[in-house]
Amino acid sequence: MEKLDPWGSFAVNDYGHVFREFGLAQFPVQWNSVMDNHLFERGVIIAHRDFERVLKRIESKKPFVNITGIASSGPYHLGHKADIDLFRLFKKKGARNYFAVSDLDAFLSRPDEKIPNLATAKKWAVHNVADLLALGLDEADIYVQSRKENRYYEFAFELSKKITKNTFEAVYGHVDLGKVGANFLQYADIMHPQLTEFEGSMPSVTGIGLDQDPHARLCRDIAKRLPYKMEVPSFLYFRHQSGLQPGAKMSSSHPETAIFLNDPPKDIEKKIRRAFSGGQPTVEEHRAKGGNLEIDLVFEMLKFHYPDTKELERIGQEFAGGKMLASELKQFAIDFFVPLLKEHQQRAKESMKKAEKIVYG
């Protein structure tokens, strides 16, 4: 049986179990035309909770809240970029945008050997904000938890009285006080935009990985019991984005599993060449049997990030048919990701001063 651990580094493999056990709805194919984005047409977004509320707002061109966040506990990697790409899509769809750079969360929920103090979380926050600006977010879209308005903190404390120790332990399997504190901040992140001091009551959406569903379930439960007029938050769920080897997700805690946005070109190339392949053991076998797209982790990375769906389908067919070798598929990925990330790194470098001002004031 799958165990969902929001702080773990292992992959979710049994989607059917997760859907059945926790009541997720599969994302309907007919909604893809409204979203008009590769994350939807390629099945990267696989499930939802009450997304139809947000979809109606998009179709009627009415505002909705677009809220997500990432703990500032290390450099962003390609797994984070998919979250940010979804956030940017909703920004284009007319959302009211709240991207939480979660420095307090990082300090509270990460071990001391990784984030020994808040100053370390803030240093990472600067790099993270620079990445966000380089990826197309505006300063108005971003907030840093430790610099948020007082009402946000008041609200987080209000939420702390809406959940018991037994409930927390039942959902997460432990009561780690740092993670308890971090969780109330996460719930506040997701729900505070609907307070009258911010946007007021309206549908909201947060994109998460399946392993983050425990947060979503508790957040939705708390929202129903608050003394405010507030819509229950909606969630979209990403298909698991693998790390570079089978069985693990991309993780800042395990650098060998991920391609980071700040990786030097030589490291990017080396990591892609070493990534787990669905190619056959010999050229002769590969020409005869073709490659296995279901297990090829380089093709999976392209599925999440390569923008041209028709070209990606062509490449997939050539690899599966044995016409394209694993080494050639990896070279294609290198030729795509290396220039993409080199350009990104230059933009992020140019955004550092602005990022420092956002984090430190």
Protein backbone atom coordinates (compact mmCIF):
# COMPACT_ATOMS: atom_id res chain seq x y z
CA MET A 1 0.00 0.00 0.00
CA GLU A 2 1.25 3.51 -0.87
CA LYS A 3 2.10 5.88 1.97
CA LEU A 4 1.92 9.56 1.10
CA ASP A 5 4.80 11.42 2.73
CA PRO A 6 4.94 15.14 1.81
CA TRP A 7 8.53 15.36 3.05
CA GLY A 8 9.81 12.11 1.50
CA SER A 9 11.93 11.53 -1.59
CA PHE A 10 10.34 8.37 -2.99
CA ALA A 11 7.93 8.16 -5.89
CA VAL A 12 4.20 7.47 -5.86
CA ASN A 13 3.74 4.43 -8.08
CA ASP A 14 0.21 3.14 -7.51
CA TYR A 15 -2.09 5.90 -8.79
CA GLY A 16 -5.14 3.66 -8.66
CA HIS A 17 -4.71 3.05 -4.95
CA VAL A 18 -4.25 6.76 -4.22
CA PHE A 19 -7.38 7.65 -6.21
CA ARG A 20 -9.47 5.01 -4.45
CA GLU A 21 -8.10 5.56 -0.97
CA PHE A 22 -8.31 9.35 -0.89
CA GLY A 23 -11.18 10.14 -3.25
CA LEU A 24 -9.37 12.01 -5.98
CA ALA A 25 -11.17 12.59 -9.28
CA GLN A 26 -9.35 11.91 -12.55
CA PHE A 27 -8.84 15.00 -14.70
CA PRO A 28 -11.41 14.85 -17.55
CA VAL A 29 -9.98 14.94 -21.07
CA GLN A 30 -12.73 17.35 -22.20
CA TRP A 31 -11.31 20.07 -19.95
CA ASN A 32 -7.98 20.08 -21.81
CA SER A 33 -9.27 22.39 -24.54
CA VAL A 34 -10.06 25.10 -21.99
CA MET A 35 -6.59 24.87 -20.43
CA ASP A 36 -4.80 24.66 -23.83
CA ASN A 37 -1.41 23.69 -22.41
CA HIS A 38 0.98 20.75 -22.80
CA LEU A 39 0.76 19.87 -19.08
CA PHE A 40 -2.88 18.95 -19.68
CA GLU A 41 -2.79 17.51 -23.19
CA ARG A 42 0.04 15.10 -22.24
CA GLY A 43 -1.65 13.88 -19.07
CA VAL A 44 0.88 15.48 -16.73
CA ILE A 45 -2.07 16.80 -14.72
CA ILE A 46 -3.89 13.63 -13.72
CA ALA A 47 -6.32 14.42 -10.91
CA HIS A 48 -8.22 17.18 -9.15
CA ARG A 49 -10.38 18.18 -6.24
CA ASP A 50 -13.25 20.52 -7.24
CA PHE A 51 -11.37 22.08 -10.15
CA GLU A 52 -14.67 22.59 -11.99
CA ARG A 53 -15.24 25.67 -9.79
CA VAL A 54 -12.07 27.27 -11.12
CA LEU A 55 -12.77 26.10 -14.68
CA LYS A 56 -16.11 27.95 -14.64
CA ARG A 57 -14.34 31.14 -13.56
CA ILE A 58 -11.81 30.77 -16.38
CA GLU A 59 -14.57 30.19 -18.96
CA SER A 60 -16.58 33.18 -17.72
CA LYS A 61 -13.42 35.33 -17.41
CA LYS A 62 -14.00 35.94 -13.71
CA PRO A 63 -11.13 36.15 -11.19
CA PHE A 64 -9.95 33.26 -9.06
CA VAL A 65 -7.04 32.76 -6.66
CA ASN A 66 -3.87 31.11 -7.96
CA ILE A 67 -1.80 30.09 -4.93
CA THR A 68 1.25 27.88 -4.63
CA GLY A 69 4.53 27.86 -2.78
CA ILE A 70 7.89 26.15 -2.44
CA ALA A 71 10.04 25.89 0.68
CA SER A 72 13.31 27.83 0.31
CA SER A 73 15.47 24.91 1.39
CA GLY A 74 17.72 24.65 -1.65
CA PRO A 75 17.96 25.41 -5.38
CA TYR A 76 14.97 24.88 -7.66
CA HIS A 77 15.05 21.88 -10.00
CA LEU A 78 12.99 20.77 -13.00
CA GLY A 79 10.33 19.34 -10.70
CA HIS A 80 9.80 22.81 -9.26
CA LYS A 81 9.77 24.33 -12.75
CA ALA A 82 6.66 22.30 -13.64
CA ASP A 83 4.87 23.80 -10.61
CA ILE A 84 5.94 27.27 -11.69
CA ASP A 85 4.87 26.64 -15.30
CA LEU A 86 1.36 25.74 -14.05
CA PHE A 87 1.30 28.87 -11.87
CA ARG A 88 2.26 30.98 -14.90
CA LEU A 89 -0.53 29.38 -16.94
CA PHE A 90 -3.15 30.40 -14.38
CA LYS A 91 -1.63 33.88 -14.27
CA LYS A 92 -2.28 34.12 -18.03
CA LYS A 93 -5.86 32.90 -17.44
CA GLY A 94 -6.64 35.96 -15.32
CA ALA A 95 -5.92 34.75 -11.78
CA ARG A 96 -5.13 36.74 -8.66
CA ASN A 97 -1.62 35.44 -7.97
CA TYR A 98 0.04 34.41 -4.71
CA PHE A 99 3.38 32.60 -4.91
CA ALA A 100 4.73 31.85 -1.43
CA VAL A 101 8.49 31.72 -1.07
CA SER A 102 8.35 29.66 2.10
CA ASP A 103 11.37 30.55 4.20
CA LEU A 104 9.63 29.92 7.53
CA ASP A 105 8.34 26.56 6.27
CA ALA A 106 11.85 25.60 5.17
CA PHE A 107 13.37 26.43 8.56
CA LEU A 108 10.62 24.68 10.54
CA SER A 109 10.24 21.51 8.49
CA ARG A 110 13.79 20.76 7.30
CA PRO A 111 16.50 19.15 9.47
CA ASP A 112 19.12 21.37 11.10
CA GLU A 113 21.92 19.90 9.00
CA LYS A 114 20.15 21.29 5.92
CA ILE A 115 18.58 24.52 7.21
CA PRO A 116 20.27 25.32 10.56
CA ASN A 117 18.71 28.79 10.91
CA LEU A 118 16.29 31.21 9.29
CA ALA A 119 19.19 33.16 7.77
CA THR A 120 20.06 30.10 5.64
CA ALA A 121 16.44 29.79 4.48
CA LYS A 122 16.46 33.47 3.51
CA LYS A 123 19.67 33.08 1.50
CA TRP A 124 18.03 30.30 -0.47
CA ALA A 125 14.91 32.46 -0.79
CA VAL A 126 16.95 35.09 -2.66
CA HIS A 127 18.08 32.52 -5.23
CA ASN A 128 14.56 31.11 -5.48
CA VAL A 129 13.00 34.55 -6.06
CA ALA A 130 15.61 35.29 -8.73
CA ASP A 131 14.55 32.07 -10.47
CA LEU A 132 10.88 33.03 -10.24
CA LEU A 133 11.54 36.45 -11.78
CA ALA A 134 13.66 34.83 -14.51
CA LEU A 135 10.81 32.41 -15.29
CA GLY A 136 8.36 35.26 -15.87
CA LEU A 137 6.71 36.01 -12.54
CA ASP A 138 6.31 39.63 -11.46
CA GLU A 139 7.25 41.06 -8.08
CA ALA A 140 3.53 41.51 -7.31
CA ASP A 141 2.98 37.74 -7.76
CA ILE A 142 5.49 36.78 -5.05
CA TYR A 143 5.58 37.04 -1.28
CA VAL A 144 8.09 35.79 1.28
CA GLN A 145 6.45 34.16 4.30
CA SER A 146 8.59 35.96 6.88
CA ARG A 147 7.68 39.37 5.41
CA LYS A 148 3.93 38.81 5.08
CA GLU A 149 1.28 41.13 6.56
CA ASN A 150 0.25 40.70 10.22
CA ARG A 151 -3.21 39.47 9.20
CA TYR A 152 -1.60 36.42 7.62
CA TYR A 153 0.04 35.43 10.92
CA GLU A 154 -3.15 36.07 12.89
CA PHE A 155 -4.96 33.78 10.49
CA ALA A 156 -2.31 31.04 10.82
CA PHE A 157 -2.77 31.11 14.61
CA GLU A 158 -6.54 30.91 14.17
CA LEU A 159 -6.06 27.80 12.04
CA SER A 160 -3.93 26.18 14.75
CA LYS A 161 -7.04 25.80 16.91
CA LYS A 162 -8.93 23.94 14.18
CA ILE A 163 -6.95 20.70 14.29
CA THR A 164 -6.12 18.29 17.10
CA LYS A 165 -2.97 16.32 17.81
CA ASN A 166 -4.84 13.09 17.06
CA THR A 167 -6.01 14.35 13.66
CA PHE A 168 -2.52 15.48 12.69
CA GLU A 169 -1.03 12.18 13.76
CA ALA A 170 -3.72 10.22 11.88
CA VAL A 171 -2.95 12.04 8.64
CA TYR A 172 0.85 12.33 8.84
CA GLY A 173 1.81 9.50 11.18
CA HIS A 174 3.71 11.72 13.61
CA VAL A 175 3.57 15.00 15.52
CA ASP A 176 6.84 16.74 14.70
CA LEU A 177 6.42 20.23 16.19
CA GLY A 178 8.44 21.95 13.47
CA LYS A 179 6.35 20.35 10.74
CA VAL A 180 3.15 21.14 12.64
CA GLY A 181 4.12 24.82 12.63
CA ALA A 182 5.09 24.68 8.95
CA ASN A 183 1.75 23.07 8.08
CA PHE A 184 -0.32 25.84 9.65
CA LEU A 185 1.63 28.32 7.55
CA GLN A 186 0.89 26.22 4.45
CA TYR A 187 -2.83 26.17 5.25
CA ALA A 188 -2.68 29.94 5.78
CA ASP A 189 -0.89 30.34 2.43
CA ILE A 190 -3.68 28.50 0.62
CA MET A 191 -6.65 30.11 2.39
CA HIS A 192 -5.62 33.65 3.38
CA PRO A 193 -6.18 35.16 -0.10
CA GLN A 194 -9.92 34.63 0.47
CA LEU A 195 -10.00 36.84 3.57
CA THR A 196 -11.72 40.19 3.08
CA GLU A 197 -8.38 41.94 3.67
CA PHE A 198 -7.05 40.32 0.47
CA GLU A 199 -9.26 39.10 -2.45
CA GLY A 200 -12.39 38.00 -0.62
CA SER A 201 -14.27 34.75 -1.16
CA MET A 202 -13.67 33.13 -4.55
CA PRO A 203 -12.53 29.77 -5.94
CA SER A 204 -8.83 29.05 -5.57
CA VAL A 205 -6.48 26.50 -7.09
CA THR A 206 -3.15 25.04 -6.00
CA GLY A 207 -1.08 22.64 -8.09
CA ILE A 208 0.62 19.87 -6.09
CA GLY A 209 2.19 16.45 -6.44
CA LEU A 210 0.18 13.45 -5.30
CA ASP A 211 2.50 13.06 -2.31
CA GLN A 212 1.30 16.45 -1.04
CA ASP A 213 -2.34 15.36 -0.80
CA PRO A 214 -2.30 15.06 3.02
CA HIS A 215 -1.86 18.86 3.13
CA ALA A 216 -4.76 19.33 0.71
CA ARG A 217 -7.14 17.09 2.64
CA LEU A 218 -6.55 18.80 5.96
CA CYS A 219 -6.65 22.26 4.40
CA ARG A 220 -10.03 21.54 2.79
CA ASP A 221 -11.39 20.11 6.04
CA ILE A 222 -10.32 23.18 8.03
CA ALA A 223 -11.79 25.55 5.40
CA LYS A 224 -15.24 24.05 5.97
CA ARG A 225 -15.06 24.85 9.69
CA LEU A 226 -13.87 28.46 9.60
CA PRO A 227 -16.10 31.38 10.67
CA TYR A 228 -15.55 33.10 7.34
CA LYS A 229 -17.29 33.13 3.99
CA MET A 230 -14.76 31.07 2.08
CA GLU A 231 -14.74 28.66 -0.87
CA VAL A 232 -13.20 25.26 -0.18
CA PRO A 233 -9.81 25.33 -1.97
CA SER A 234 -9.44 23.33 -5.19
CA PHE A 235 -6.34 21.32 -6.09
CA LEU A 236 -4.74 19.95 -9.25
CA TYR A 237 -2.38 16.98 -9.06
CA PHE A 238 0.73 16.40 -11.12
CA ARG A 239 1.72 12.99 -12.40
CA HIS A 240 4.85 12.03 -10.54
CA GLN A 241 7.97 13.52 -12.16
CA SER A 242 10.74 11.01 -11.66
CA GLY A 243 14.27 11.70 -10.65
CA LEU A 244 17.14 10.60 -12.87
CA GLN A 245 17.04 7.04 -11.55
CA PRO A 246 14.01 4.78 -10.95
CA GLY A 247 12.04 4.96 -7.71
CA ALA A 248 12.86 8.51 -6.57
CA LYS A 249 11.38 11.92 -7.28
CA MET A 250 13.56 14.95 -8.01
CA SER A 251 14.68 16.23 -4.62
CA SER A 252 16.84 19.11 -3.41
CA SER A 253 17.98 16.81 -0.59
CA HIS A 254 19.45 14.35 -3.09
CA PRO A 255 21.34 16.32 -5.79
CA GLU A 256 22.05 13.21 -7.86
CA THR A 257 18.29 12.74 -8.48
CA ALA A 258 17.64 16.11 -10.09
CA ILE A 259 18.64 18.62 -12.72
CA PHE A 260 18.75 21.99 -10.98
CA LEU A 261 18.03 25.30 -12.67
CA ASN A 262 21.50 26.51 -11.62
CA ASP A 263 23.44 23.41 -12.71
CA PRO A 264 26.47 24.19 -14.94
CA PRO A 265 26.07 22.98 -18.56
CA LYS A 266 28.63 20.20 -18.08
CA ASP A 267 26.71 18.86 -15.08
CA ILE A 268 23.42 18.96 -16.98
CA GLU A 269 24.95 17.00 -19.84
CA LYS A 270 26.55 14.48 -17.47
CA LYS A 271 23.30 13.92 -15.55
CA ILE A 272 21.28 13.40 -18.73
CA ARG A 273 23.80 10.93 -20.13
CA ARG A 274 23.68 8.95 -16.85
CA ALA A 275 19.87 9.02 -16.56
CA PHE A 276 17.99 5.73 -16.62
CA SER A 277 17.12 4.74 -20.18
CA GLY A 278 14.39 2.67 -21.78
CA GLY A 279 16.73 1.65 -24.58
CA GLN A 280 17.69 -1.96 -25.26
CA PRO A 281 21.08 -3.39 -24.12
CA THR A 282 22.54 -3.47 -27.68
CA VAL A 283 22.05 -1.43 -30.85
CA GLU A 284 20.85 -4.54 -32.68
CA GLU A 285 18.20 -5.29 -30.06
CA HIS A 286 17.12 -1.67 -29.97
CA ARG A 287 16.68 -1.52 -33.75
CA ALA A 288 14.62 -4.73 -33.59
CA LYS A 289 12.53 -4.16 -30.45
CA GLY A 290 12.54 -0.38 -30.00
CA GLY A 291 12.82 1.59 -26.78
CA ASN A 292 10.42 1.60 -23.83
CA LEU A 293 9.00 5.11 -23.40
CA GLU A 294 7.21 4.12 -20.19
CA ILE A 295 10.45 3.73 -18.26
CA ASP A 296 12.78 6.14 -20.12
CA LEU A 297 13.40 9.01 -17.71
CA VAL A 298 14.92 11.34 -20.31
CA PHE A 299 11.76 11.15 -22.40
CA GLU A 300 9.75 11.76 -19.23
CA MET A 301 11.68 14.99 -18.59
CA LEU A 302 10.93 16.10 -22.13
CA LYS A 303 7.26 15.23 -21.62
CA PHE A 304 7.11 17.68 -18.72
CA HIS A 305 9.12 20.49 -20.30
CA TYR A 306 9.51 20.31 -24.09
CA PRO A 307 6.99 22.77 -25.56
CA ASP A 308 6.32 21.26 -29.04
CA THR A 309 3.92 18.33 -28.65
CA LYS A 310 3.99 17.24 -32.31
CA GLU A 311 7.79 17.16 -32.33
CA LEU A 312 7.82 15.24 -29.04
CA GLU A 313 5.38 12.68 -30.46
CA ARG A 314 7.63 12.22 -33.49
CA ILE A 315 10.68 11.67 -31.29
CA GLY A 316 8.75 9.23 -29.10
CA GLN A 317 7.65 7.22 -32.14
CA GLU A 318 11.20 7.07 -33.51
CA PHE A 319 12.60 5.90 -30.16
CA ALA A 320 9.83 3.36 -29.58
CA GLY A 321 10.26 2.07 -33.12
CA GLY A 322 14.01 1.61 -32.79
CA LYS A 323 14.89 4.31 -35.30
CA MET A 324 16.30 6.63 -32.61
CA LEU A 325 18.88 5.23 -30.17
CA ALA A 326 18.98 6.04 -26.44
CA SER A 327 22.18 8.02 -26.96
CA GLU A 328 20.46 10.09 -29.65
CA LEU A 329 17.44 10.74 -27.44
CA LYS A 330 19.78 11.89 -24.68
CA GLN A 331 21.61 14.17 -27.08
CA PHE A 332 18.29 15.70 -28.16
CA ALA A 333 17.50 16.38 -24.48
CA ILE A 334 20.95 17.89 -23.91
CA ASP A 335 20.51 20.17 -26.93
CA PHE A 336 17.19 21.35 -25.45
CA PHE A 337 17.90 21.67 -21.73
CA VAL A 338 21.44 23.10 -21.81
CA PRO A 339 20.60 26.27 -23.82
CA LEU A 340 17.29 26.65 -21.98
CA LEU A 341 18.96 26.62 -18.56
CA LYS A 342 21.95 28.73 -19.66
CA GLU A 343 19.54 31.48 -20.74
CA HIS A 344 17.56 31.07 -17.53
CA GLN A 345 20.70 31.38 -15.40
CA GLN A 346 21.65 34.64 -17.10
CA ARG A 347 18.18 36.10 -16.44
CA ALA A 348 18.31 34.89 -12.83
CA LYS A 349 21.72 36.53 -12.35
CA GLU A 350 20.30 39.81 -13.65
CA SER A 351 17.39 39.49 -11.17
CA MET A 352 19.48 38.98 -8.01
CA LYS A 353 19.41 42.56 -6.72
CA LYS A 354 15.66 42.75 -7.15
CA ALA A 355 15.33 39.35 -5.44
CA GLU A 356 17.41 40.55 -2.45
CA LYS A 357 15.10 43.55 -2.06
CA ILE A 358 12.01 41.29 -2.13
CA VAL A 359 13.45 38.96 0.52
CA TYR A 360 15.15 41.45 2.84
CA GLY A 361 13.22 44.66 2.13
